[in-house]
Amino acid sequence: MTNHVLIFDTTLRDGEQSPGATMTHAEKLEIASLLDEMGVDIIEAGFPIASEGDFNAVSEIAKNAVNSTICGLSRANFKDIDRCWEAVKHAKSPRIHTFIGTSPLHRAIPNLTQDEMAERIHDCVTHARNLCDNVQWSSMDATRTEEDYLCRTVEIAIKAGATTINIPDTVGYTAPRESADLIKMLIERVPGADEVIFATHCHNDLGMATANSLAAVEGGARQIECTINGLGERAGNTALEEVVMAMKVRHDIMPYQTKIDTTKIMNISRRVATVSGFNVQFNKAIVGKNAFAHESGIHQDGMLKNAETFEIMRPADVGLSETSLVMGKHSGRAALRSKLEELGFTLGDNELMDVFVRFKELADRKKEVFEDDLIALMRTNDAEDDHLRLKSLTVVCGTEGPQTAEMTMTVGGEDKSIKTTGDGPVDAAFSAVKALFPHAARLQLYQVHAVTEGTDAQATVSVRMEEEGRIATGQSADTDTVVASAKAYINALNRLIVRRAQTDVGYDEKAVSYKDAGE
């Protein structure tokens, strides 16, 4: 059996199903390009039947991919499979991924008997294989499916032409030993198992997604399904950066290889955090802010004498710069470009000019601009086609008198102004936005974090909003916390507008209910 493990990234499909993690069409294309460049074997680009927007994104990604196989997801019916093939067929290497829930709980959803489901699996995999030579079949909720029935369905899928068999732990229920044993059992018991690739797809509900995925590889799986930053429904999916670096660092006990260029990890991690609106927790393995930070005196002393004392991998291995170039108001465009490239951001001349103007504005307000300030600056690069844009904001607050906000906001290309009051400056600013752009969205979350230390530090504000079941997250950073708050609120509204449009073009929510179940 080969020791090469395929990396199947589903950030654009399962990752985007995280409540609030909507990406625009351009953002999906950008993330797909970064995944392609870093060596991901298979990119699951979306769920083509879900909406016209999803179909167009998958189709465009398929046309542009250079190295990766491009995969689309489809439920177990001919309409889904045909739509999926229409989207991925332009790729140099296309794949159709079809699935159905096989556990007792999931069989009850379409109300199928074991025999009826077996027949559907045969028909759908056969139909997919008649369209595409590369077909993946998934047994949703495999870890809670009876072993005998799981073996039966896997055998049917193989005989019908599936080339990859995915065994998902859909609800994060299993444990590492079970994960390994399940794959071993299927390889030993199912006829034809030696002719296909077995894949593992784990969720992190009990915090064991990475461990379960690596255990499945030990059991014989040779494809890991994962996402950047572990993005995904509920507690998320297996994190790509964790499994890849675990196999690289502990190659002595896990002698497996991937094609991933690990030096590109930090760049794509930051971009996914930016476009999804989901910040990476500080103590997140591999890509967290504190992953290579050492504050304890004992740790610092050991690091000064020998970095390997307390670090099992080098920051450069995952794309972190080990140099420190101080930026300030006298820094030029060349220095800014160099620093941003160190941080993983490659900009065209026009984009660099735009960022440079905002960098100068920031540098005029801060004595020193740190790496985290630059990362925050890149995360708040407003899109030119945003429906809503903050033009100006003046707030009056304090212990005396009412708190007021005077705002001018561009709404669909037209400037509108208003003066409102509120219970504090942030509430007044939010009230002004709502008065200029009436909406029924409900504020679910409002968080403020300091980007760096000091009284002149930027504040990063995260806002999550919900409207008729749609959830969107917005972020912004500014040395003025109220301005950052208003921009984050507006950013969340812009993302809700995108979600509205996706629904309006698109699809019957009930018809794609399995999208919410994931796999």
Protein backbone atom coordinates (compact mmCIF):
# COMPACT_ATOMS: atom_id res chain seq x y z
CA MET A 1 0.00 0.00 0.00
CA THR A 2 1.32 3.43 -0.93
CA ASN A 3 2.39 5.83 1.81
CA HIS A 4 1.17 8.86 -0.12
CA VAL A 5 -1.89 10.47 1.50
CA LEU A 6 -4.18 12.56 -0.70
CA ILE A 7 -5.37 15.85 0.78
CA PHE A 8 -9.00 16.60 -0.07
CA ASP A 9 -9.87 20.16 0.94
CA THR A 10 -13.52 21.00 1.52
CA THR A 11 -13.14 24.57 2.83
CA LEU A 12 -15.27 25.88 -0.03
CA ARG A 13 -18.05 23.36 0.59
CA ASP A 14 -18.20 22.00 4.15
CA GLY A 15 -16.24 24.96 5.50
CA GLU A 16 -18.59 27.49 3.94
CA GLN A 17 -21.53 25.71 5.58
CA SER A 18 -20.40 27.20 8.92
CA PRO A 19 -23.13 29.64 9.98
CA GLY A 20 -21.93 33.07 8.88
CA ALA A 21 -19.03 31.89 6.71
CA THR A 22 -20.37 33.11 3.38
CA MET A 23 -17.75 33.84 0.71
CA THR A 24 -18.24 35.93 -2.39
CA HIS A 25 -17.64 34.52 -5.86
CA ALA A 26 -14.28 36.30 -6.14
CA GLU A 27 -13.21 35.09 -2.69
CA LYS A 28 -14.01 31.48 -3.58
CA LEU A 29 -11.92 31.73 -6.73
CA GLU A 30 -9.04 33.24 -4.75
CA ILE A 31 -9.09 30.54 -2.07
CA ALA A 32 -9.32 27.80 -4.72
CA SER A 33 -6.27 29.28 -6.47
CA LEU A 34 -4.30 29.29 -3.21
CA LEU A 35 -5.29 25.67 -2.50
CA ASP A 36 -4.23 24.70 -6.02
CA GLU A 37 -0.86 26.42 -5.59
CA MET A 38 -0.11 24.84 -2.22
CA GLY A 39 -0.49 21.30 -3.56
CA VAL A 40 -3.98 20.20 -2.47
CA ASP A 41 -4.83 17.03 -4.42
CA ILE A 42 -8.61 17.47 -4.55
CA ILE A 43 -10.59 20.66 -4.02
CA GLU A 44 -14.27 20.21 -3.22
CA ALA A 45 -15.37 23.49 -4.76
CA GLY A 46 -19.03 23.48 -3.72
CA PHE A 47 -22.50 21.99 -4.03
CA PRO A 48 -23.59 22.90 -7.60
CA ILE A 49 -27.30 22.13 -7.21
CA ALA A 50 -27.62 24.41 -4.16
CA SER A 51 -27.76 27.68 -6.08
CA GLU A 52 -26.77 29.38 -9.30
CA GLY A 53 -23.99 31.09 -7.37
CA ASP A 54 -22.57 27.77 -6.17
CA PHE A 55 -22.79 26.30 -9.67
CA ASN A 56 -20.99 29.27 -11.23
CA ALA A 57 -18.25 29.21 -8.61
CA VAL A 58 -17.59 25.48 -9.05
CA SER A 59 -17.63 25.83 -12.83
CA GLU A 60 -15.19 28.76 -12.79
CA ILE A 61 -12.86 27.01 -10.36
CA ALA A 62 -12.92 23.92 -12.58
CA LYS A 63 -11.91 25.97 -15.61
CA ASN A 64 -9.03 27.71 -13.79
CA ALA A 65 -7.50 24.84 -11.80
CA VAL A 66 -3.95 23.99 -12.83
CA ASN A 67 -2.95 21.07 -10.62
CA SER A 68 -5.82 19.98 -8.40
CA THR A 69 -8.71 17.65 -9.13
CA ILE A 70 -11.93 19.67 -8.85
CA CYS A 71 -14.84 17.98 -7.12
CA GLY A 72 -18.49 18.88 -6.70
CA LEU A 73 -20.94 17.44 -4.16
CA SER A 74 -24.28 15.87 -5.09
CA ARG A 75 -26.98 14.01 -3.25
CA ALA A 76 -28.13 10.57 -4.34
CA ASN A 77 -30.35 11.54 -7.27
CA PHE A 78 -29.78 11.96 -11.00
CA LYS A 79 -30.67 15.66 -11.06
CA ASP A 80 -27.98 16.52 -8.51
CA ILE A 81 -25.40 14.34 -10.25
CA ASP A 82 -26.12 15.83 -13.68
CA ARG A 83 -25.84 19.37 -12.29
CA CYS A 84 -22.59 18.48 -10.56
CA TRP A 85 -21.10 17.08 -13.76
CA GLU A 86 -22.09 20.20 -15.70
CA ALA A 87 -20.10 22.26 -13.21
CA VAL A 88 -16.93 20.14 -12.90
CA LYS A 89 -16.63 18.77 -16.45
CA HIS A 90 -14.45 21.70 -17.54
CA ALA A 91 -11.65 20.72 -15.14
CA LYS A 92 -8.50 18.98 -16.33
CA SER A 93 -9.26 16.43 -13.61
CA PRO A 94 -12.97 16.41 -12.57
CA ARG A 95 -14.62 14.37 -9.82
CA ILE A 96 -18.25 13.74 -8.87
CA HIS A 97 -18.88 13.21 -5.15
CA THR A 98 -22.26 11.68 -4.31
CA PHE A 99 -23.48 10.70 -0.85
CA ILE A 100 -26.36 9.30 1.14
CA GLY A 101 -26.90 8.73 4.87
CA THR A 102 -26.68 5.03 5.72
CA SER A 103 -27.15 4.95 9.51
CA PRO A 104 -30.58 4.05 10.93
CA LEU A 105 -31.19 7.70 11.82
CA HIS A 106 -30.31 8.91 8.34
CA ARG A 107 -32.15 6.14 6.51
CA ALA A 108 -35.28 7.40 8.20
CA ILE A 109 -34.93 10.86 6.58
CA PRO A 110 -35.83 9.69 3.03
CA ASN A 111 -37.78 6.80 4.61
CA LEU A 112 -35.94 4.07 2.69
CA THR A 113 -35.51 0.44 3.62
CA GLN A 114 -32.03 -1.08 3.48
CA ASP A 115 -32.83 -2.71 0.15
CA GLU A 116 -34.29 0.48 -1.34
CA MET A 117 -31.25 2.47 -0.27
CA ALA A 118 -28.90 -0.18 -1.67
CA GLU A 119 -30.67 0.07 -5.03
CA ARG A 120 -30.42 3.86 -5.01
CA ILE A 121 -26.70 3.71 -4.25
CA HIS A 122 -26.16 1.34 -7.18
CA ASP A 123 -28.18 3.45 -9.60
CA CYS A 124 -26.64 6.79 -8.61
CA VAL A 125 -23.02 5.66 -8.55
CA THR A 126 -23.54 3.93 -11.91
CA HIS A 127 -25.06 7.12 -13.33
CA ALA A 128 -22.18 9.22 -12.01
CA ARG A 129 -19.57 6.80 -13.37
CA ASN A 130 -21.18 6.92 -16.82
CA LEU A 131 -20.48 10.66 -16.78
CA CYS A 132 -17.09 10.78 -15.05
CA ASP A 133 -14.22 8.33 -14.55
CA ASN A 134 -13.49 9.73 -11.09
CA VAL A 135 -16.39 9.11 -8.69
CA GLN A 136 -16.38 9.38 -4.92
CA TRP A 137 -19.14 7.84 -2.84
CA SER A 138 -19.77 8.72 0.79
CA SER A 139 -21.71 6.83 3.40
CA MET A 140 -22.95 9.74 5.51
CA ASP A 141 -22.89 8.95 9.25
CA ALA A 142 -20.83 5.83 8.50
CA THR A 143 -19.52 5.61 12.05
CA ARG A 144 -23.07 5.00 13.35
CA THR A 145 -24.04 2.57 10.58
CA GLU A 146 -24.35 -1.17 11.28
CA GLU A 147 -21.10 -2.84 10.16
CA ASP A 148 -22.76 -5.49 8.01
CA TYR A 149 -24.89 -2.92 6.19
CA LEU A 150 -21.94 -0.56 5.78
CA CYS A 151 -19.96 -3.37 4.16
CA ARG A 152 -22.89 -4.12 1.86
CA THR A 153 -23.25 -0.50 0.69
CA VAL A 154 -19.51 -0.04 0.19
CA GLU A 155 -19.39 -3.21 -1.93
CA ILE A 156 -22.31 -1.97 -4.04
CA ALA A 157 -20.63 1.41 -4.59
CA ILE A 158 -17.36 -0.24 -5.63
CA LYS A 159 -19.08 -2.60 -8.06
CA ALA A 160 -21.03 0.35 -9.53
CA GLY A 161 -17.78 2.14 -10.33
CA ALA A 162 -16.81 4.33 -7.37
CA THR A 163 -13.06 4.99 -7.31
CA THR A 164 -12.96 6.56 -3.83
CA ILE A 165 -14.96 5.40 -0.82
CA ASN A 166 -15.37 8.01 1.90
CA ILE A 167 -16.22 6.93 5.46
CA PRO A 168 -17.41 10.09 7.24
CA ASP A 169 -17.70 10.63 10.96
CA THR A 170 -20.47 13.12 10.23
CA VAL A 171 -21.30 14.05 13.83
CA GLY A 172 -17.85 13.71 15.40
CA TYR A 173 -18.92 10.61 17.32
CA THR A 174 -16.07 8.17 16.90
CA ALA A 175 -12.71 7.80 18.68
CA PRO A 176 -9.25 7.09 17.21
CA ARG A 177 -9.16 3.35 17.87
CA GLU A 178 -12.64 2.93 16.35
CA SER A 179 -11.66 5.08 13.38
CA ALA A 180 -8.67 2.87 12.56
CA ASP A 181 -10.56 -0.37 13.17
CA LEU A 182 -13.45 0.67 10.93
CA ILE A 183 -11.19 1.28 7.93
CA LYS A 184 -9.29 -1.96 8.57
CA MET A 185 -12.54 -3.90 8.79
CA LEU A 186 -13.83 -2.54 5.48
CA ILE A 187 -10.56 -3.25 3.66
CA GLU A 188 -10.52 -6.82 4.99
CA ARG A 189 -14.18 -7.67 4.46
CA VAL A 190 -15.34 -5.87 1.30
CA PRO A 191 -14.56 -7.46 -2.08
CA GLY A 192 -12.71 -5.04 -4.35
CA ALA A 193 -11.55 -2.84 -1.46
CA ASP A 194 -7.96 -3.14 -2.66
CA GLU A 195 -8.92 -1.47 -5.95
CA VAL A 196 -10.19 1.82 -4.47
CA ILE A 197 -8.96 4.59 -2.18
CA PHE A 198 -10.58 4.85 1.23
CA ALA A 199 -11.07 8.35 2.62
CA THR A 200 -11.78 9.72 6.07
CA HIS A 201 -13.91 12.78 6.81
CA CYS A 202 -14.06 13.74 10.48
CA HIS A 203 -15.87 16.41 12.45
CA ASN A 204 -14.50 17.87 15.66
CA ASP A 205 -17.50 17.72 18.00
CA LEU A 206 -15.50 15.87 20.67
CA GLY A 207 -12.19 17.49 19.76
CA MET A 208 -10.81 14.35 18.06
CA ALA A 209 -11.06 15.14 14.34
CA THR A 210 -7.30 15.29 13.76
CA ALA A 211 -6.64 12.19 15.87
CA ASN A 212 -9.44 10.27 14.15
CA SER A 213 -8.19 11.21 10.68
CA LEU A 214 -4.61 10.15 11.43
CA ALA A 215 -5.86 6.92 13.00
CA ALA A 216 -7.88 6.20 9.85
CA VAL A 217 -4.69 6.59 7.82
CA GLU A 218 -3.02 4.08 10.14
CA GLY A 219 -5.95 1.79 9.39
CA GLY A 220 -5.44 2.08 5.63
CA ALA A 221 -7.21 5.26 4.50
CA ARG A 222 -5.20 7.20 1.93
CA GLN A 223 -7.29 10.36 1.62
CA ILE A 224 -7.95 12.86 4.38
CA GLU A 225 -10.82 15.31 3.98
CA CYS A 226 -10.12 18.56 5.80
CA THR A 227 -10.48 22.34 5.80
CA ILE A 228 -8.20 25.31 6.37
CA ASN A 229 -8.28 26.36 10.06
CA GLY A 230 -10.63 23.44 10.74
CA LEU A 231 -13.52 25.55 9.41
CA GLY A 232 -16.82 23.69 9.24
CA GLU A 233 -20.23 23.10 10.71
CA ARG A 234 -20.66 22.99 14.49
CA ALA A 235 -17.16 22.42 15.99
CA GLY A 236 -15.59 22.22 12.54
CA ASN A 237 -13.74 19.68 10.40
CA THR A 238 -10.30 18.15 10.55
CA ALA A 239 -7.78 20.99 10.14
CA LEU A 240 -5.58 20.60 7.07
CA GLU A 241 -2.63 22.28 8.73
CA GLU A 242 -2.78 19.92 11.72
CA VAL A 243 -2.79 16.60 9.86
CA VAL A 244 -0.20 17.75 7.32
CA MET A 245 2.24 19.05 9.94
CA ALA A 246 1.63 16.06 12.22
CA MET A 247 2.72 13.70 9.44
CA LYS A 248 5.69 15.94 8.62
CA VAL A 249 6.96 16.44 12.17
CA ARG A 250 6.25 12.87 13.38
CA HIS A 251 7.34 11.13 10.21
CA ASP A 252 9.18 8.65 12.44
CA ILE A 253 5.91 7.04 13.56
CA MET A 254 3.65 8.23 10.70
CA PRO A 255 5.71 7.55 7.56
CA TYR A 256 3.29 9.20 5.14
CA GLN A 257 3.78 11.92 2.55
CA THR A 258 1.61 14.66 1.07
CA LYS A 259 2.19 17.13 -1.76
CA ILE A 260 1.42 20.14 0.43
CA ASP A 261 3.87 23.05 0.38
CA THR A 262 3.71 23.79 4.09
CA THR A 263 5.35 27.20 3.73
CA LYS A 264 2.06 28.44 2.24
CA ILE A 265 -0.02 27.43 5.28
CA MET A 266 0.01 30.75 7.15
CA ASN A 267 -0.92 32.76 4.09
CA ILE A 268 -3.98 30.71 3.24
CA SER A 269 -4.95 30.45 6.90
CA ARG A 270 -5.06 34.23 7.15
CA ARG A 271 -6.98 34.59 3.91
CA VAL A 272 -9.61 32.03 4.93
CA ALA A 273 -9.98 33.76 8.31
CA THR A 274 -10.46 37.07 6.52
CA VAL A 275 -12.98 36.03 3.88
CA SER A 276 -14.96 33.73 6.19
CA GLY A 277 -15.07 36.19 9.07
CA PHE A 278 -13.95 33.43 11.47
CA ASN A 279 -10.92 34.47 13.51
CA VAL A 280 -8.33 31.83 14.40
CA GLN A 281 -8.14 31.30 18.15
CA PHE A 282 -4.83 32.42 19.66
CA ASN A 283 -3.88 28.94 20.91
CA LYS A 284 -4.91 27.11 17.73
CA ALA A 285 -2.36 24.48 16.73
CA ILE A 286 0.02 25.46 13.90
CA VAL A 287 -1.64 28.73 12.83
CA GLY A 288 -2.70 30.38 16.11
CA LYS A 289 -1.08 33.66 17.15
CA ASN A 290 0.50 31.97 20.17
CA ALA A 291 1.60 28.78 18.37
CA PHE A 292 5.23 30.01 18.31
CA ALA A 293 5.06 32.50 21.22
CA HIS A 294 7.03 31.97 24.43
CA GLU A 295 6.40 34.11 27.54
CA SER A 296 7.54 31.87 30.40
CA GLY A 297 11.05 32.75 31.61
CA ILE A 298 12.13 29.12 31.50
CA HIS A 299 10.82 28.76 27.96
CA GLN A 300 12.45 31.98 26.81
CA ASP A 301 15.81 30.98 28.30
CA GLY A 302 15.61 27.59 26.59
CA MET A 303 14.65 29.18 23.26
CA LEU A 304 17.62 31.55 23.41
CA LYS A 305 20.01 28.65 23.93
CA ASN A 306 18.40 26.20 21.50
CA ALA A 307 15.11 26.75 19.66
CA GLU A 308 14.44 23.00 19.61
CA THR A 309 14.16 23.07 23.42
CA PHE A 310 10.55 24.20 23.18
CA GLU A 311 9.74 24.16 19.45
CA ILE A 312 9.17 20.97 17.47
CA MET A 313 8.95 22.82 14.15
CA ARG A 314 10.35 26.05 12.79
CA PRO A 315 8.06 29.03 12.15
CA ALA A 316 9.43 29.13 8.60
CA ASP A 317 8.09 25.60 8.00
CA VAL A 318 4.55 26.99 7.94
CA GLY A 319 5.36 30.29 6.28
CA LEU A 320 6.02 32.53 9.27
CA SER A 321 8.74 35.15 8.85
CA GLU A 322 11.58 35.07 11.37
CA THR A 323 12.73 38.61 10.53
CA SER A 324 11.45 41.80 12.14
CA LEU A 325 11.21 44.88 9.92
CA VAL A 326 9.76 47.81 11.86
CA MET A 327 7.21 49.80 9.86
CA GLY A 328 6.29 53.42 10.44
CA LYS A 329 5.13 56.61 8.76
CA HIS A 330 8.48 56.98 6.94
CA SER A 331 8.33 53.49 5.40
CA GLY A 332 7.91 53.41 1.63
CA ARG A 333 5.94 51.25 -0.77
CA ALA A 334 8.86 48.89 -1.39
CA ALA A 335 9.24 48.21 2.34
CA LEU A 336 5.49 47.69 2.70
CA ARG A 337 5.39 45.29 -0.25
CA SER A 338 8.35 43.34 1.18
CA LYS A 339 6.75 43.08 4.62
CA LEU A 340 3.38 42.03 3.22
CA GLU A 341 5.07 39.35 1.09
CA GLU A 342 6.78 38.06 4.25
CA LEU A 343 3.32 37.82 5.79
CA GLY A 344 2.03 35.93 2.76
CA PHE A 345 0.19 38.72 0.93
CA THR A 346 1.02 39.24 -2.75
CA LEU A 347 -0.46 42.44 -4.19
CA GLY A 348 -0.69 43.95 -7.64
CA ASP A 349 0.47 47.52 -8.14
CA ASN A 350 -3.01 49.08 -7.94
CA GLU A 351 -3.96 47.08 -4.85
CA LEU A 352 -0.63 47.95 -3.22
CA MET A 353 -1.29 51.63 -3.80
CA ASP A 354 -4.69 51.37 -2.13
CA VAL A 355 -3.24 49.51 0.86
CA PHE A 356 -0.29 51.93 1.03
CA VAL A 357 -2.66 54.90 1.38
CA ARG A 358 -4.47 53.22 4.26
CA PHE A 359 -1.13 52.13 5.78
CA LYS A 360 0.04 55.78 5.80
CA GLU A 361 -3.21 56.84 7.46
CA LEU A 362 -2.67 54.18 10.12
CA ALA A 363 1.02 55.07 10.57
CA ASP A 364 0.07 58.71 11.20
CA ARG A 365 -1.99 57.53 14.16
CA LYS A 366 0.47 54.94 15.54
CA LYS A 367 4.17 55.27 16.38
CA GLU A 368 4.92 51.78 15.11
CA VAL A 369 2.94 49.49 12.86
CA PHE A 370 3.31 45.85 13.88
CA GLU A 371 2.78 42.69 11.84
CA ASP A 372 -0.63 42.14 13.44
CA ASP A 373 -1.61 45.70 12.44
CA LEU A 374 -0.76 44.93 8.82
CA ILE A 375 -2.70 41.67 8.91
CA ALA A 376 -5.70 43.54 10.34
CA LEU A 377 -5.26 46.18 7.62
CA MET A 378 -5.43 43.50 4.93
CA ARG A 379 -8.53 41.99 6.51
CA THR A 380 -10.41 45.28 6.30
CA ASN A 381 -9.83 45.94 2.62
CA ASP A 382 -13.37 46.95 1.57
CA ALA A 383 -14.62 45.58 -1.72
CA GLU A 384 -15.42 48.20 -4.33
CA ASP A 385 -18.74 46.55 -5.14
CA ASP A 386 -20.01 46.55 -1.53
CA HIS A 387 -23.60 47.81 -1.42
CA LEU A 388 -22.93 49.68 1.83
CA ARG A 389 -19.83 51.75 2.63
CA LEU A 390 -19.10 54.03 5.58
CA LYS A 391 -18.09 57.49 4.37
CA SER A 392 -17.89 59.49 7.62
CA LEU A 393 -18.79 59.11 11.28
CA THR A 394 -18.75 61.57 14.19
CA VAL A 395 -19.80 60.48 17.67
CA VAL A 396 -20.41 62.42 20.87
CA CYS A 397 -20.28 60.49 24.14
CA GLY A 398 -19.44 60.86 27.81
CA THR A 399 -21.09 61.21 31.19
CA GLU A 400 -23.11 64.28 30.22
CA GLY A 401 -25.90 64.46 27.67
CA PRO A 402 -27.09 61.94 25.11
CA GLN A 403 -24.69 59.84 23.02
CA THR A 404 -25.08 60.80 19.37
CA ALA A 405 -23.76 59.58 16.04
CA GLU A 406 -23.71 61.63 12.85
CA MET A 407 -23.08 59.37 9.86
CA THR A 408 -22.80 59.51 6.10
CA MET A 409 -23.02 56.15 4.38
CA THR A 410 -23.02 55.19 0.72
CA VAL A 411 -26.04 52.98 -0.01
CA GLY A 412 -26.08 51.46 -3.47
CA GLY A 413 -23.93 54.31 -4.83
CA GLU A 414 -25.95 57.09 -3.18
CA ASP A 415 -24.66 59.03 -0.16
CA LYS A 416 -27.12 59.29 2.73
CA SER A 417 -26.68 61.11 6.05
CA ILE A 418 -28.40 61.03 9.44
CA LYS A 419 -27.93 61.93 13.11
CA THR A 420 -29.12 59.47 15.77
CA THR A 421 -28.87 58.84 19.51
CA GLY A 422 -28.25 55.64 21.40
CA ASP A 423 -27.26 53.97 24.64
CA GLY A 424 -23.57 54.63 24.14
CA PRO A 425 -21.55 55.54 21.04
CA VAL A 426 -21.61 52.05 19.49
CA ASP A 427 -25.37 51.73 19.88
CA ALA A 428 -25.79 55.21 18.39
CA ALA A 429 -23.59 54.26 15.41
CA PHE A 430 -25.48 51.01 14.84
CA SER A 431 -28.78 52.92 15.03
CA ALA A 432 -27.51 55.29 12.35
CA VAL A 433 -26.67 52.39 10.04
CA LYS A 434 -30.10 50.87 10.57
CA ALA A 435 -31.82 54.19 9.91
CA LEU A 436 -29.91 54.66 6.64
CA PHE A 437 -30.39 51.04 5.58
CA PRO A 438 -33.51 49.59 7.27
CA HIS A 439 -33.28 45.87 7.90
CA ALA A 440 -34.64 43.13 10.16
CA ALA A 441 -31.29 41.51 10.99
CA ARG A 442 -30.65 40.73 14.64
CA LEU A 443 -27.27 41.30 16.29
CA GLN A 444 -26.10 37.96 17.71
CA LEU A 445 -22.51 38.75 18.64
CA TYR A 446 -20.36 41.81 19.22
CA GLN A 447 -16.71 41.35 20.21
CA VAL A 448 -13.79 43.75 20.54
CA HIS A 449 -10.13 42.69 20.71
CA ALA A 450 -6.95 44.77 20.78
CA VAL A 451 -4.70 43.92 17.83
CA THR A 452 -1.51 44.95 19.66
CA GLU A 453 -0.57 46.53 22.99
CA GLY A 454 -0.66 50.21 23.90
CA THR A 455 -3.21 52.99 23.99
CA ASP A 456 -2.81 53.55 20.24
CA ALA A 457 -3.55 49.90 19.42
CA GLN A 458 -6.06 49.03 16.73
CA ALA A 459 -9.27 47.38 17.84
CA THR A 460 -10.51 44.40 15.85
CA VAL A 461 -14.29 44.14 16.03
CA SER A 462 -16.32 41.07 15.08
CA VAL A 463 -20.07 41.26 14.51
CA ARG A 464 -22.45 38.38 13.78
CA MET A 465 -25.97 39.01 12.50
CA GLU A 466 -28.98 36.82 11.69
CA GLU A 467 -31.85 37.46 9.30
CA GLU A 468 -34.51 34.85 8.48
CA GLY A 469 -32.13 31.97 9.18
CA ARG A 470 -29.23 33.54 7.27
CA ILE A 471 -26.17 34.29 9.38
CA ALA A 472 -23.27 36.56 8.43
CA THR A 473 -20.14 37.68 10.24
CA GLY A 474 -18.37 41.00 9.70
CA GLN A 475 -14.96 42.22 10.83
CA SER A 476 -13.03 45.46 10.82
CA ALA A 477 -10.09 47.11 12.57
CA ASP A 478 -9.31 50.70 13.42
CA THR A 479 -7.56 52.71 16.13
CA ASP A 480 -11.03 54.16 16.79
CA THR A 481 -13.12 51.38 18.32
CA VAL A 482 -16.43 53.00 17.35
CA VAL A 483 -15.35 53.36 13.70
CA ALA A 484 -14.20 49.72 13.68
CA SER A 485 -17.56 48.71 15.18
CA ALA A 486 -19.56 50.58 12.54
CA LYS A 487 -17.45 49.13 9.71
CA ALA A 488 -17.79 45.59 11.09
CA TYR A 489 -21.57 46.03 11.37
CA ILE A 490 -21.73 47.29 7.77
CA ASN A 491 -19.46 44.44 6.61
CA ALA A 492 -21.85 41.90 8.16
CA LEU A 493 -24.80 43.58 6.42
CA ASN A 494 -22.97 43.43 3.08
CA ARG A 495 -22.49 39.70 3.58
CA LEU A 496 -26.18 39.29 4.43
CA ILE A 497 -27.01 41.06 1.18
CA VAL A 498 -24.87 38.49 -0.65
CA ARG A 499 -26.75 35.70 1.13
CA ARG A 500 -30.07 37.21 0.16
CA ALA A 501 -28.99 37.27 -3.48
CA GLN A 502 -27.84 33.65 -3.34
CA THR A 503 -31.24 32.62 -2.03
CA ASP A 504 -33.14 34.80 -4.50
CA VAL A 505 -31.44 33.26 -7.55
CA GLY A 506 -31.44 30.06 -6.31
CA TYR A 507 -32.97 27.12 -4.83
CA ASP A 508 -35.61 25.43 -2.78
CA GLU A 509 -34.19 25.28 0.76
CA LYS A 510 -36.18 22.11 1.51
CA ALA A 511 -34.91 20.43 -1.64
CA VAL A 512 -31.32 20.77 -0.43
CA SER A 513 -31.88 19.94 3.20
CA TYR A 514 -29.03 17.44 3.14
CA LYS A 515 -26.68 20.37 2.62
CA ASP A 516 -27.36 21.37 6.20
CA ALA A 517 -26.64 17.83 7.37
CA GLY A 518 -23.25 17.89 5.66
CA GLU A 519 -21.44 14.60 5.39
